[in-house]
Amino acid sequence: MIGTVRSAYNRDFSESKYQDFLADLDKTYNHKITFRIAETPVFVGREFKDKLIAAGNEIVVFIVRPDFKSLTENAIPPGLNVPNETKHTHFLALDFAVVHGEDGAEPRLIEIKIVTIDDF
């Protein structure tokens, strides 16, 4: 976390600005967003940002492998598979935790959501 940026953000934050932000999102996407939007961003340095991007890229490289489905077919318990799943991912969300590693802060994958168009 970059402390100086965090402090400036905290100093300039207001409930009114947050509500304007939410209204802008709703307008931009022509849809009332019903899930909670984080009230605050996380400010990280370039080195940690690069680690996050590299970790995400490694996961994507694995997911797009031609044998991905066969490698992971037993990972989901029977009855929880998505019916009519397509062959290609249309949306991917990666959720990382931050842990203390030997070289400082390190990202660790804690959740992944892969959505195909048929999920909508």
PDB file of N, CA and C in Angstrom:
ATOM      1  N   MET A   1       0.845  -1.172   0.000  1.00  0.00           N
ATOM      2  CA  MET A   1       0.000   0.000   0.000  1.00  0.00           C
ATOM      3  C   MET A   1       0.890   1.233   0.000  1.00  0.00           C
ATOM      4  N   ILE A   2       0.561   2.160  -0.849  1.00  0.00           N
ATOM      5  CA  ILE A   2       1.299   3.426  -0.906  1.00  0.00           C
ATOM      6  C   ILE A   2       0.622   4.402   0.055  1.00  0.00           C
ATOM      7  N   GLY A   3       1.267   4.634   1.188  1.00  0.00           N
ATOM      8  CA  GLY A   3       0.678   5.415   2.276  1.00  0.00           C
ATOM      9  C   GLY A   3       0.316   6.836   1.902  1.00  0.00           C
ATOM     10  N   THR A   4       1.143   7.506   1.131  1.00  0.00           N
ATOM     11  CA  THR A   4       0.858   8.903   0.789  1.00  0.00           C
ATOM     12  C   THR A   4      -0.383   9.024  -0.095  1.00  0.00           C
ATOM     13  N   VAL A   5      -0.535   8.105  -1.014  1.00  0.00           N
ATOM     14  CA  VAL A   5      -1.710   8.119  -1.888  1.00  0.00           C
ATOM     15  C   VAL A   5      -2.954   7.750  -1.077  1.00  0.00           C
ATOM     16  N   ARG A   6      -2.811   6.763  -0.185  1.00  0.00           N
ATOM     17  CA  ARG A   6      -3.921   6.374   0.681  1.00  0.00           C
ATOM     18  C   ARG A   6      -4.392   7.559   1.518  1.00  0.00           C
ATOM     19  N   SER A   7      -3.455   8.285   2.090  1.00  0.00           N
ATOM     20  CA  SER A   7      -3.802   9.441   2.923  1.00  0.00           C
ATOM     21  C   SER A   7      -4.520  10.519   2.120  1.00  0.00           C
ATOM     22  N   ALA A   8      -4.030  10.795   0.922  1.00  0.00           N
ATOM     23  CA  ALA A   8      -4.668  11.806   0.071  1.00  0.00           C
ATOM     24  C   ALA A   8      -6.078  11.370  -0.306  1.00  0.00           C
ATOM     25  N   TYR A   9      -6.251  10.099  -0.642  1.00  0.00           N
ATOM     26  CA  TYR A   9      -7.578   9.585  -0.985  1.00  0.00           C
ATOM     27  C   TYR A   9      -8.527   9.729   0.206  1.00  0.00           C
ATOM     28  N   ASN A  10      -8.067   9.311   1.378  1.00  0.00           N
ATOM     29  CA  ASN A  10      -8.894   9.402   2.583  1.00  0.00           C
ATOM     30  C   ASN A  10      -9.287  10.849   2.876  1.00  0.00           C
ATOM     31  N   ARG A  11      -8.339  11.761   2.713  1.00  0.00           N
ATOM     32  CA  ARG A  11      -8.588  13.185   2.993  1.00  0.00           C
ATOM     33  C   ARG A  11      -9.658  13.742   2.053  1.00  0.00           C
ATOM     34  N   ASP A  12      -9.631  13.316   0.774  1.00  0.00           N
ATOM     35  CA  ASP A  12     -10.533  13.875  -0.225  1.00  0.00           C
ATOM     36  C   ASP A  12     -11.840  13.089  -0.392  1.00  0.00           C
ATOM     37  N   PHE A  13     -11.966  11.974   0.287  1.00  0.00           N
ATOM     38  CA  PHE A  13     -13.173  11.156   0.151  1.00  0.00           C
ATOM     39  C   PHE A  13     -14.372  11.844   0.786  1.00  0.00           C
ATOM     40  N   SER A  14     -15.538  11.676   0.150  1.00  0.00           N
ATOM     41  CA  SER A  14     -16.790  12.123   0.762  1.00  0.00           C
ATOM     42  C   SER A  14     -17.896  11.170   0.325  1.00  0.00           C
ATOM     43  N   GLU A  15     -18.931  11.079   1.132  1.00  0.00           N
ATOM     44  CA  GLU A  15     -20.079  10.236   0.789  1.00  0.00           C
ATOM     45  C   GLU A  15     -20.715  10.720  -0.507  1.00  0.00           C
ATOM     46  N   SER A  16     -20.741  12.023  -0.705  1.00  0.00           N
ATOM     47  CA  SER A  16     -21.316  12.597  -1.927  1.00  0.00           C
ATOM     48  C   SER A  16     -20.536  12.142  -3.167  1.00  0.00           C
ATOM     49  N   LYS A  17     -19.213  12.162  -3.093  1.00  0.00           N
ATOM     50  CA  LYS A  17     -18.386  11.700  -4.221  1.00  0.00           C
ATOM     51  C   LYS A  17     -18.616  10.212  -4.485  1.00  0.00           C
ATOM     52  N   TYR A  18     -18.770   9.445  -3.425  1.00  0.00           N
ATOM     53  CA  TYR A  18     -19.011   8.015  -3.582  1.00  0.00           C
ATOM     54  C   TYR A  18     -20.359   7.769  -4.261  1.00  0.00           C
ATOM     55  N   GLN A  19     -21.383   8.485  -3.849  1.00  0.00           N
ATOM     56  CA  GLN A  19     -22.703   8.334  -4.466  1.00  0.00           C
ATOM     57  C   GLN A  19     -22.673   8.767  -5.932  1.00  0.00           C
ATOM     58  N   ASP A  20     -21.913   9.830  -6.245  1.00  0.00           N
ATOM     59  CA  ASP A  20     -21.745  10.256  -7.642  1.00  0.00           C
ATOM     60  C   ASP A  20     -21.055   9.161  -8.457  1.00  0.00           C
ATOM     61  N   PHE A  21     -20.068   8.513  -7.855  1.00  0.00           N
ATOM     62  CA  PHE A  21     -19.357   7.411  -8.508  1.00  0.00           C
ATOM     63  C   PHE A  21     -20.316   6.272  -8.841  1.00  0.00           C
ATOM     64  N   LEU A  22     -21.164   5.877  -7.873  1.00  0.00           N
ATOM     65  CA  LEU A  22     -22.128   4.806  -8.103  1.00  0.00           C
ATOM     66  C   LEU A  22     -23.132   5.192  -9.191  1.00  0.00           C
ATOM     67  N   ALA A  23     -23.607   6.425  -9.161  1.00  0.00           N
ATOM     68  CA  ALA A  23     -24.562   6.889 -10.177  1.00  0.00           C
ATOM     69  C   ALA A  23     -23.926   6.877 -11.557  1.00  0.00           C
ATOM     70  N   ASP A  24     -22.654   7.254 -11.637  1.00  0.00           N
ATOM     71  CA  ASP A  24     -21.951   7.233 -12.924  1.00  0.00           C
ATOM     72  C   ASP A  24     -21.816   5.809 -13.461  1.00  0.00           C
ATOM     73  N   LEU A  25     -21.534   4.859 -12.586  1.00  0.00           N
ATOM     74  CA  LEU A  25     -21.461   3.456 -13.016  1.00  0.00           C
ATOM     75  C   LEU A  25     -22.806   2.986 -13.563  1.00  0.00           C
ATOM     76  N   ASP A  26     -23.873   3.288 -12.835  1.00  0.00           N
ATOM     77  CA  ASP A  26     -25.213   2.892 -13.287  1.00  0.00           C
ATOM     78  C   ASP A  26     -25.528   3.503 -14.652  1.00  0.00           C
ATOM     79  N   LYS A  27     -25.185   4.760 -14.818  1.00  0.00           N
ATOM     80  CA  LYS A  27     -25.457   5.455 -16.090  1.00  0.00           C
ATOM     81  C   LYS A  27     -24.603   4.884 -17.219  1.00  0.00           C
ATOM     82  N   THR A  28     -23.336   4.668 -16.943  1.00  0.00           N
ATOM     83  CA  THR A  28     -22.416   4.158 -17.962  1.00  0.00           C
ATOM     84  C   THR A  28     -22.879   2.826 -18.508  1.00  0.00           C
ATOM     85  N   TYR A  29     -23.362   1.959 -17.634  1.00  0.00           N
ATOM     86  CA  TYR A  29     -23.756   0.610 -18.046  1.00  0.00           C
ATOM     87  C   TYR A  29     -25.267   0.457 -18.219  1.00  0.00           C
ATOM     88  N   ASN A  30     -25.994   1.584 -18.091  1.00  0.00           N
ATOM     89  CA  ASN A  30     -27.448   1.585 -18.276  1.00  0.00           C
ATOM     90  C   ASN A  30     -28.108   0.462 -17.470  1.00  0.00           C
ATOM     91  N   HIS A  31     -27.645   0.349 -16.231  1.00  0.00           N
ATOM     92  CA  HIS A  31     -28.111  -0.742 -15.377  1.00  0.00           C
ATOM     93  C   HIS A  31     -27.841  -0.368 -13.926  1.00  0.00           C
ATOM     94  N   LYS A  32     -28.812  -0.597 -13.059  1.00  0.00           N
ATOM     95  CA  LYS A  32     -28.618  -0.375 -11.624  1.00  0.00           C
ATOM     96  C   LYS A  32     -27.820  -1.547 -11.069  1.00  0.00           C
ATOM     97  N   ILE A  33     -26.616  -1.272 -10.643  1.00  0.00           N
ATOM     98  CA  ILE A  33     -25.748  -2.315 -10.100  1.00  0.00           C
ATOM     99  C   ILE A  33     -26.241  -2.662  -8.697  1.00  0.00           C
ATOM    100  N   THR A  34     -26.546  -3.937  -8.492  1.00  0.00           N
ATOM    101  CA  THR A  34     -27.163  -4.349  -7.228  1.00  0.00           C
ATOM    102  C   THR A  34     -26.180  -4.936  -6.228  1.00  0.00           C
ATOM    103  N   PHE A  35     -24.943  -5.198  -6.648  1.00  0.00           N
ATOM    104  CA  PHE A  35     -23.970  -5.719  -5.700  1.00  0.00           C
ATOM    105  C   PHE A  35     -23.150  -4.575  -5.125  1.00  0.00           C
ATOM    106  N   ARG A  36     -22.537  -4.822  -4.011  1.00  0.00           N
ATOM    107  CA  ARG A  36     -21.760  -3.785  -3.328  1.00  0.00           C
ATOM    108  C   ARG A  36     -20.495  -3.447  -4.116  1.00  0.00           C
ATOM    109  N   ILE A  37     -20.281  -2.177  -4.323  1.00  0.00           N
ATOM    110  CA  ILE A  37     -19.077  -1.679  -4.984  1.00  0.00           C
ATOM    111  C   ILE A  37     -18.122  -1.217  -3.884  1.00  0.00           C
ATOM    112  N   ALA A  38     -16.876  -1.640  -3.969  1.00  0.00           N
ATOM    113  CA  ALA A  38     -15.893  -1.266  -2.945  1.00  0.00           C
ATOM    114  C   ALA A  38     -15.844   0.251  -2.796  1.00  0.00           C
ATOM    115  N   GLU A  39     -15.835   0.685  -1.574  1.00  0.00           N
ATOM    116  CA  GLU A  39     -15.800   2.117  -1.301  1.00  0.00           C
ATOM    117  C   GLU A  39     -14.426   2.715  -1.550  1.00  0.00           C
ATOM    118  N   THR A  40     -13.433   1.870  -1.631  1.00  0.00           N
ATOM    119  CA  THR A  40     -12.076   2.407  -1.725  1.00  0.00           C
ATOM    120  C   THR A  40     -11.185   1.519  -2.581  1.00  0.00           C
ATOM    121  N   PRO A  41     -10.342   2.129  -3.372  1.00  0.00           N
ATOM    122  CA  PRO A  41      -9.363   1.336  -4.117  1.00  0.00           C
ATOM    123  C   PRO A  41      -8.184   0.950  -3.212  1.00  0.00           C
ATOM    124  N   VAL A  42      -7.384   0.059  -3.698  1.00  0.00           N
ATOM    125  CA  VAL A  42      -6.153  -0.316  -3.013  1.00  0.00           C
ATOM    126  C   VAL A  42      -5.011   0.266  -3.847  1.00  0.00           C
ATOM    127  N   PHE A  43      -4.122   0.962  -3.212  1.00  0.00           N
ATOM    128  CA  PHE A  43      -3.027   1.620  -3.917  1.00  0.00           C
ATOM    129  C   PHE A  43      -1.745   0.820  -3.709  1.00  0.00           C
ATOM    130  N   VAL A  44      -1.275   0.200  -4.775  1.00  0.00           N
ATOM    131  CA  VAL A  44      -0.059  -0.615  -4.694  1.00  0.00           C
ATOM    132  C   VAL A  44       0.999  -0.047  -5.626  1.00  0.00           C
ATOM    133  N   GLY A  45       2.238  -0.365  -5.321  1.00  0.00           N
ATOM    134  CA  GLY A  45       3.344   0.088  -6.141  1.00  0.00           C
ATOM    135  C   GLY A  45       3.489  -0.728  -7.424  1.00  0.00           C
ATOM    136  N   ARG A  46       4.316  -0.228  -8.314  1.00  0.00           N
ATOM    137  CA  ARG A  46       4.521  -0.867  -9.608  1.00  0.00           C
ATOM    138  C   ARG A  46       5.038  -2.300  -9.463  1.00  0.00           C
ATOM    139  N   GLU A  47       5.945  -2.543  -8.525  1.00  0.00           N
ATOM    140  CA  GLU A  47       6.509  -3.888  -8.362  1.00  0.00           C
ATOM    141  C   GLU A  47       5.432  -4.902  -8.002  1.00  0.00           C
ATOM    142  N   PHE A  48       4.545  -4.546  -7.062  1.00  0.00           N
ATOM    143  CA  PHE A  48       3.491  -5.478  -6.689  1.00  0.00           C
ATOM    144  C   PHE A  48       2.446  -5.601  -7.798  1.00  0.00           C
ATOM    145  N   LYS A  49       2.146  -4.500  -8.472  1.00  0.00           N
ATOM    146  CA  LYS A  49       1.227  -4.550  -9.610  1.00  0.00           C
ATOM    147  C   LYS A  49       1.757  -5.521 -10.653  1.00  0.00           C
ATOM    148  N   ASP A  50       3.052  -5.465 -10.924  1.00  0.00           N
ATOM    149  CA  ASP A  50       3.659  -6.374 -11.900  1.00  0.00           C
ATOM    150  C   ASP A  50       3.545  -7.831 -11.451  1.00  0.00           C
ATOM    151  N   LYS A  51       3.682  -8.079 -10.141  1.00  0.00           N
ATOM    152  CA  LYS A  51       3.516  -9.442  -9.616  1.00  0.00           C
ATOM    153  C   LYS A  51       2.087  -9.933  -9.819  1.00  0.00           C
ATOM    154  N   LEU A  52       1.116  -9.054  -9.572  1.00  0.00           N
ATOM    155  CA  LEU A  52      -0.292  -9.423  -9.777  1.00  0.00           C
ATOM    156  C   LEU A  52      -0.571  -9.752 -11.240  1.00  0.00           C
ATOM    157  N   ILE A  53      -0.059  -8.922 -12.131  1.00  0.00           N
ATOM    158  CA  ILE A  53      -0.267  -9.145 -13.566  1.00  0.00           C
ATOM    159  C   ILE A  53       0.394 -10.446 -14.005  1.00  0.00           C
ATOM    160  N   ALA A  54       1.606 -10.691 -13.537  1.00  0.00           N
ATOM    161  CA  ALA A  54       2.307 -11.934 -13.898  1.00  0.00           C
ATOM    162  C   ALA A  54       1.543 -13.153 -13.384  1.00  0.00           C
ATOM    163  N   ALA A  55       1.041 -13.092 -12.157  1.00  0.00           N
ATOM    164  CA  ALA A  55       0.280 -14.215 -11.603  1.00  0.00           C
ATOM    165  C   ALA A  55      -0.995 -14.443 -12.418  1.00  0.00           C
ATOM    166  N   GLY A  56      -1.691 -13.372 -12.757  1.00  0.00           N
ATOM    167  CA  GLY A  56      -2.893 -13.493 -13.575  1.00  0.00           C
ATOM    168  C   GLY A  56      -2.590 -14.074 -14.943  1.00  0.00           C
ATOM    169  N   ASN A  57      -1.504 -13.617 -15.549  1.00  0.00           N
ATOM    170  CA  ASN A  57      -1.124 -14.132 -16.870  1.00  0.00           C
ATOM    171  C   ASN A  57      -0.797 -15.622 -16.822  1.00  0.00           C
ATOM    172  N   GLU A  58      -0.137 -16.077 -15.764  1.00  0.00           N
ATOM    173  CA  GLU A  58       0.172 -17.504 -15.628  1.00  0.00           C
ATOM    174  C   GLU A  58      -1.113 -18.332 -15.569  1.00  0.00           C
ATOM    175  N   ILE A  59      -2.093 -17.824 -14.855  1.00  0.00           N
ATOM    176  CA  ILE A  59      -3.365 -18.537 -14.743  1.00  0.00           C
ATOM    177  C   ILE A  59      -4.080 -18.577 -16.092  1.00  0.00           C
ATOM    178  N   VAL A  60      -4.093 -17.457 -16.794  1.00  0.00           N
ATOM    179  CA  VAL A  60      -4.747 -17.403 -18.105  1.00  0.00           C
ATOM    180  C   VAL A  60      -4.067 -18.352 -19.080  1.00  0.00           C
ATOM    181  N   VAL A  61      -2.751 -18.386 -19.075  1.00  0.00           N
ATOM    182  CA  VAL A  61      -2.021 -19.303 -19.964  1.00  0.00           C
ATOM    183  C   VAL A  61      -2.462 -20.742 -19.699  1.00  0.00           C
ATOM    184  N   PHE A  62      -2.662 -21.085 -18.440  1.00  0.00           N
ATOM    185  CA  PHE A  62      -3.114 -22.438 -18.110  1.00  0.00           C
ATOM    186  C   PHE A  62      -4.552 -22.677 -18.583  1.00  0.00           C
ATOM    187  N   ILE A  63      -5.416 -21.696 -18.366  1.00  0.00           N
ATOM    188  CA  ILE A  63      -6.829 -21.853 -18.718  1.00  0.00           C
ATOM    189  C   ILE A  63      -7.034 -22.007 -20.226  1.00  0.00           C
ATOM    190  N   VAL A  64      -6.212 -21.382 -21.030  1.00  0.00           N
ATOM    191  CA  VAL A  64      -6.404 -21.462 -22.486  1.00  0.00           C
ATOM    192  C   VAL A  64      -5.700 -22.662 -23.117  1.00  0.00           C
ATOM    193  N   ARG A  65      -5.072 -23.484 -22.307  1.00  0.00           N
ATOM    194  CA  ARG A  65      -4.455 -24.702 -22.847  1.00  0.00           C
ATOM    195  C   ARG A  65      -5.526 -25.575 -23.501  1.00  0.00           C
ATOM    196  N   PRO A  66      -5.203 -26.225 -24.599  1.00  0.00           N
ATOM    197  CA  PRO A  66      -6.189 -27.088 -25.253  1.00  0.00           C
ATOM    198  C   PRO A  66      -6.672 -28.243 -24.369  1.00  0.00           C
ATOM    199  N   ASP A  67      -5.839 -28.677 -23.421  1.00  0.00           N
ATOM    200  CA  ASP A  67      -6.220 -29.799 -22.558  1.00  0.00           C
ATOM    201  C   ASP A  67      -6.756 -29.358 -21.199  1.00  0.00           C
ATOM    202  N   PHE A  68      -7.103 -28.084 -21.064  1.00  0.00           N
ATOM    203  CA  PHE A  68      -7.586 -27.556 -19.787  1.00  0.00           C
ATOM    204  C   PHE A  68      -8.807 -28.327 -19.276  1.00  0.00           C
ATOM    205  N   LYS A  69      -9.791 -28.530 -20.142  1.00  0.00           N
ATOM    206  CA  LYS A  69     -11.021 -29.226 -19.723  1.00  0.00           C
ATOM    207  C   LYS A  69     -10.727 -30.628 -19.211  1.00  0.00           C
ATOM    208  N   SER A  70      -9.877 -31.362 -19.933  1.00  0.00           N
ATOM    209  CA  SER A  70      -9.586 -32.730 -19.499  1.00  0.00           C
ATOM    210  C   SER A  70      -8.768 -32.739 -18.206  1.00  0.00           C
ATOM    211  N   LEU A  71      -7.905 -31.763 -18.019  1.00  0.00           N
ATOM    212  CA  LEU A  71      -7.103 -31.685 -16.792  1.00  0.00           C
ATOM    213  C   LEU A  71      -7.938 -31.346 -15.565  1.00  0.00           C
ATOM    214  N   THR A  72      -9.034 -30.624 -15.771  1.00  0.00           N
ATOM    215  CA  THR A  72      -9.812 -30.129 -14.633  1.00  0.00           C
ATOM    216  C   THR A  72     -11.205 -30.751 -14.510  1.00  0.00           C
ATOM    217  N   GLU A  73     -11.519 -31.722 -15.350  1.00  0.00           N
ATOM    218  CA  GLU A  73     -12.880 -32.267 -15.366  1.00  0.00           C
ATOM    219  C   GLU A  73     -13.308 -32.880 -14.033  1.00  0.00           C
ATOM    220  N   ASN A  74     -12.385 -33.371 -13.236  1.00  0.00           N
ATOM    221  CA  ASN A  74     -12.736 -33.970 -11.940  1.00  0.00           C
ATOM    222  C   ASN A  74     -12.645 -32.974 -10.780  1.00  0.00           C
ATOM    223  N   ALA A  75     -12.337 -31.711 -11.085  1.00  0.00           N
ATOM    224  CA  ALA A  75     -12.184 -30.707 -10.029  1.00  0.00           C
ATOM    225  C   ALA A  75     -13.529 -30.220  -9.494  1.00  0.00           C
ATOM    226  N   ILE A  76     -14.576 -30.339 -10.285  1.00  0.00           N
ATOM    227  CA  ILE A  76     -15.904 -29.875  -9.876  1.00  0.00           C
ATOM    228  C   ILE A  76     -16.745 -31.092  -9.522  1.00  0.00           C
ATOM    229  N   PRO A  77     -17.330 -31.096  -8.327  1.00  0.00           N
ATOM    230  CA  PRO A  77     -18.143 -32.249  -7.920  1.00  0.00           C
ATOM    231  C   PRO A  77     -19.327 -32.478  -8.876  1.00  0.00           C
ATOM    232  N   PRO A  78     -19.715 -33.718  -9.047  1.00  0.00           N
ATOM    233  CA  PRO A  78     -20.872 -34.010  -9.903  1.00  0.00           C
ATOM    234  C   PRO A  78     -22.094 -33.209  -9.449  1.00  0.00           C
ATOM    235  N   GLY A  79     -22.855 -32.740 -10.411  1.00  0.00           N
ATOM    236  CA  GLY A  79     -24.040 -31.958 -10.101  1.00  0.00           C
ATOM    237  C   GLY A  79     -23.805 -30.470 -10.006  1.00  0.00           C
ATOM    238  N   LEU A  80     -22.558 -30.045  -9.993  1.00  0.00           N
ATOM    239  CA  LEU A  80     -22.256 -28.617  -9.914  1.00  0.00           C
ATOM    240  C   LEU A  80     -21.718 -28.063 -11.225  1.00  0.00           C
ATOM    241  N   ASN A  81     -21.611 -28.892 -12.233  1.00  0.00           N
ATOM    242  CA  ASN A  81     -21.166 -28.413 -13.542  1.00  0.00           C
ATOM    243  C   ASN A  81     -22.217 -27.509 -14.161  1.00  0.00           C
ATOM    244  N   VAL A  82     -21.763 -26.553 -14.946  1.00  0.00           N
ATOM    245  CA  VAL A  82     -22.666 -25.645 -15.640  1.00  0.00           C
ATOM    246  C   VAL A  82     -23.256 -26.373 -16.842  1.00  0.00           C
ATOM    247  N   PRO A  83     -24.582 -26.435 -16.956  1.00  0.00           N
ATOM    248  CA  PRO A  83     -25.177 -27.099 -18.119  1.00  0.00           C
ATOM    249  C   PRO A  83     -24.904 -26.294 -19.392  1.00  0.00           C
ATOM    250  N   ASN A  84     -24.715 -26.985 -20.488  1.00  0.00           N
ATOM    251  CA  ASN A  84     -24.509 -26.360 -21.793  1.00  0.00           C
ATOM    252  C   ASN A  84     -23.300 -25.420 -21.813  1.00  0.00           C
ATOM    253  N   GLU A  85     -22.283 -25.736 -21.066  1.00  0.00           N
ATOM    254  CA  GLU A  85     -21.099 -24.894 -21.010  1.00  0.00           C
ATOM    255  C   GLU A  85     -20.447 -24.808 -22.382  1.00  0.00           C
ATOM    256  N   THR A  86     -19.998 -23.618 -22.735  1.00  0.00           N
ATOM    257  CA  THR A  86     -19.311 -23.437 -24.007  1.00  0.00           C
ATOM    258  C   THR A  86     -17.847 -23.821 -23.857  1.00  0.00           C
ATOM    259  N   LYS A  87     -17.139 -23.862 -24.956  1.00  0.00           N
ATOM    260  CA  LYS A  87     -15.722 -24.248 -24.932  1.00  0.00           C
ATOM    261  C   LYS A  87     -14.808 -23.110 -24.513  1.00  0.00           C
ATOM    262  N   HIS A  88     -15.298 -21.881 -24.560  1.00  0.00           N
ATOM    263  CA  HIS A  88     -14.430 -20.734 -24.310  1.00  0.00           C
ATOM    264  C   HIS A  88     -14.955 -19.873 -23.170  1.00  0.00           C
ATOM    265  N   THR A  89     -14.050 -19.383 -22.361  1.00  0.00           N
ATOM    266  CA  THR A  89     -14.369 -18.485 -21.263  1.00  0.00           C
ATOM    267  C   THR A  89     -14.715 -17.111 -21.829  1.00  0.00           C
ATOM    268  N   HIS A  90     -15.774 -16.505 -21.300  1.00  0.00           N
ATOM    269  CA  HIS A  90     -16.165 -15.165 -21.731  1.00  0.00           C
ATOM    270  C   HIS A  90     -15.875 -14.116 -20.667  1.00  0.00           C
ATOM    271  N   PHE A  91     -15.720 -14.555 -19.439  1.00  0.00           N
ATOM    272  CA  PHE A  91     -15.454 -13.641 -18.331  1.00  0.00           C
ATOM    273  C   PHE A  91     -14.635 -14.389 -17.298  1.00  0.00           C
ATOM    274  N   LEU A  92     -13.637 -13.706 -16.757  1.00  0.00           N
ATOM    275  CA  LEU A  92     -12.758 -14.331 -15.780  1.00  0.00           C
ATOM    276  C   LEU A  92     -12.483 -13.333 -14.664  1.00  0.00           C
ATOM    277  N   ALA A  93     -12.704 -13.750 -13.424  1.00  0.00           N
ATOM    278  CA  ALA A  93     -12.391 -12.915 -12.268  1.00  0.00           C
ATOM    279  C   ALA A  93     -11.417 -13.683 -11.382  1.00  0.00           C
ATOM    280  N   LEU A  94     -10.316 -13.053 -11.064  1.00  0.00           N
ATOM    281  CA  LEU A  94      -9.313 -13.645 -10.186  1.00  0.00           C
ATOM    282  C   LEU A  94      -9.269 -12.832  -8.901  1.00  0.00           C
ATOM    283  N   ASP A  95      -9.347 -13.500  -7.770  1.00  0.00           N
ATOM    284  CA  ASP A  95      -9.325 -12.845  -6.469  1.00  0.00           C
ATOM    285  C   ASP A  95      -8.046 -13.263  -5.759  1.00  0.00           C
ATOM    286  N   PHE A  96      -7.197 -12.304  -5.487  1.00  0.00           N
ATOM    287  CA  PHE A  96      -5.911 -12.584  -4.856  1.00  0.00           C
ATOM    288  C   PHE A  96      -5.888 -12.091  -3.417  1.00  0.00           C
ATOM    289  N   ALA A  97      -5.247 -12.862  -2.559  1.00  0.00           N
ATOM    290  CA  ALA A  97      -4.888 -12.414  -1.221  1.00  0.00           C
ATOM    291  C   ALA A  97      -3.458 -11.889  -1.303  1.00  0.00           C
ATOM    292  N   VAL A  98      -3.081 -11.096  -0.337  1.00  0.00           N
ATOM    293  CA  VAL A  98      -1.707 -10.611  -0.254  1.00  0.00           C
ATOM    294  C   VAL A  98      -1.070 -11.268   0.958  1.00  0.00           C
ATOM    295  N   VAL A  99       0.038 -11.963   0.727  1.00  0.00           N
ATOM    296  CA  VAL A  99       0.738 -12.636   1.811  1.00  0.00           C
ATOM    297  C   VAL A  99       2.175 -12.131   1.883  1.00  0.00           C
ATOM    298  N   HIS A 100       2.780 -12.335   3.039  1.00  0.00           N
ATOM    299  CA  HIS A 100       4.187 -11.975   3.196  1.00  0.00           C
ATOM    300  C   HIS A 100       5.037 -13.142   2.716  1.00  0.00           C
ATOM    301  N   GLY A 101       5.782 -12.924   1.650  1.00  0.00           N
ATOM    302  CA  GLY A 101       6.661 -13.946   1.117  1.00  0.00           C
ATOM    303  C   GLY A 101       8.108 -13.615   1.399  1.00  0.00           C
ATOM    304  N   GLU A 102       8.987 -14.446   0.913  1.00  0.00           N
ATOM    305  CA  GLU A 102      10.424 -14.216   1.112  1.00  0.00           C
ATOM    306  C   GLU A 102      10.896 -12.915   0.482  1.00  0.00           C
ATOM    307  N   ASP A 103      10.249 -12.525  -0.619  1.00  0.00           N
ATOM    308  CA  ASP A 103      10.631 -11.302  -1.329  1.00  0.00           C
ATOM    309  C   ASP A 103       9.646 -10.162  -1.095  1.00  0.00           C
ATOM    310  N   GLY A 104       8.986 -10.168   0.055  1.00  0.00           N
ATOM    311  CA  GLY A 104       8.010  -9.127   0.351  1.00  0.00           C
ATOM    312  C   GLY A 104       6.602  -9.600   0.044  1.00  0.00           C
ATOM    313  N   ALA A 105       5.732  -8.662  -0.287  1.00  0.00           N
ATOM    314  CA  ALA A 105       4.336  -8.990  -0.568  1.00  0.00           C
ATOM    315  C   ALA A 105       4.225  -9.857  -1.813  1.00  0.00           C
ATOM    316  N   GLU A 106       3.409 -10.900  -1.709  1.00  0.00           N
ATOM    317  CA  GLU A 106       3.198 -11.835  -2.821  1.00  0.00           C
ATOM    318  C   GLU A 106       1.697 -12.077  -2.993  1.00  0.00           C
ATOM    319  N   PRO A 107       1.224 -12.150  -4.253  1.00  0.00           N
ATOM    320  CA  PRO A 107      -0.179 -12.484  -4.469  1.00  0.00           C
ATOM    321  C   PRO A 107      -0.402 -13.990  -4.386  1.00  0.00           C
ATOM    322  N   ARG A 108      -1.550 -14.384  -3.814  1.00  0.00           N
ATOM    323  CA  ARG A 108      -1.941 -15.793  -3.757  1.00  0.00           C
ATOM    324  C   ARG A 108      -3.396 -15.886  -4.202  1.00  0.00           C
ATOM    325  N   LEU A 109      -3.646 -16.718  -5.186  1.00  0.00           N
ATOM    326  CA  LEU A 109      -5.003 -16.891  -5.688  1.00  0.00           C
ATOM    327  C   LEU A 109      -5.870 -17.523  -4.609  1.00  0.00           C
ATOM    328  N   ILE A 110      -7.011 -16.898  -4.314  1.00  0.00           N
ATOM    329  CA  ILE A 110      -7.920 -17.479  -3.328  1.00  0.00           C
ATOM    330  C   ILE A 110      -9.270 -17.847  -3.948  1.00  0.00           C
ATOM    331  N   GLU A 111      -9.588 -17.267  -5.095  1.00  0.00           N
ATOM    332  CA  GLU A 111     -10.841 -17.605  -5.755  1.00  0.00           C
ATOM    333  C   GLU A 111     -10.736 -17.270  -7.232  1.00  0.00           C
ATOM    334  N   ILE A 112     -11.388 -18.089  -8.038  1.00  0.00           N
ATOM    335  CA  ILE A 112     -11.442 -17.838  -9.471  1.00  0.00           C
ATOM    336  C   ILE A 112     -12.873 -18.087  -9.938  1.00  0.00           C
ATOM    337  N   LYS A 113     -13.364 -17.217 -10.761  1.00  0.00           N
ATOM    338  CA  LYS A 113     -14.707 -17.363 -11.323  1.00  0.00           C
ATOM    339  C   LYS A 113     -14.555 -17.319 -12.844  1.00  0.00           C
ATOM    340  N   ILE A 114     -14.915 -18.403 -13.482  1.00  0.00           N
ATOM    341  CA  ILE A 114     -14.884 -18.488 -14.924  1.00  0.00           C
ATOM    342  C   ILE A 114     -16.326 -18.579 -15.396  1.00  0.00           C
ATOM    343  N   VAL A 115     -16.734 -17.667 -16.248  1.00  0.00           N
ATOM    344  CA  VAL A 115     -18.101 -17.627 -16.723  1.00  0.00           C
ATOM    345  C   VAL A 115     -18.123 -17.796 -18.230  1.00  0.00           C
ATOM    346  N   THR A 116     -19.007 -18.639 -18.702  1.00  0.00           N
ATOM    347  CA  THR A 116     -19.231 -18.761 -20.136  1.00  0.00           C
ATOM    348  C   THR A 116     -20.519 -18.025 -20.465  1.00  0.00           C
ATOM    349  N   ILE A 117     -20.709 -17.693 -21.706  1.00  0.00           N
ATOM    350  CA  ILE A 117     -21.857 -16.915 -22.118  1.00  0.00           C
ATOM    351  C   ILE A 117     -23.166 -17.582 -21.739  1.00  0.00           C
ATOM    352  N   ASP A 118     -23.187 -18.898 -21.664  1.00  0.00           N
ATOM    353  CA  ASP A 118     -24.419 -19.611 -21.324  1.00  0.00           C
ATOM    354  C   ASP A 118     -24.797 -19.452 -19.856  1.00  0.00           C
ATOM    355  N   ASP A 119     -23.913 -18.885 -19.029  1.00  0.00           N
ATOM    356  CA  ASP A 119     -24.245 -18.673 -17.626  1.00  0.00           C
ATOM    357  C   ASP A 119     -25.221 -17.512 -17.448  1.00  0.00           C
ATOM    358  N   PHE A 120     -25.404 -16.675 -18.477  1.00  0.00           N
ATOM    359  CA  PHE A 120     -26.241 -15.480 -18.336  1.00  0.00           C
ATOM    360  C   PHE A 120     -27.671 -15.771 -18.693  1.00  0.00           C
TER     361      PHE A 120
END
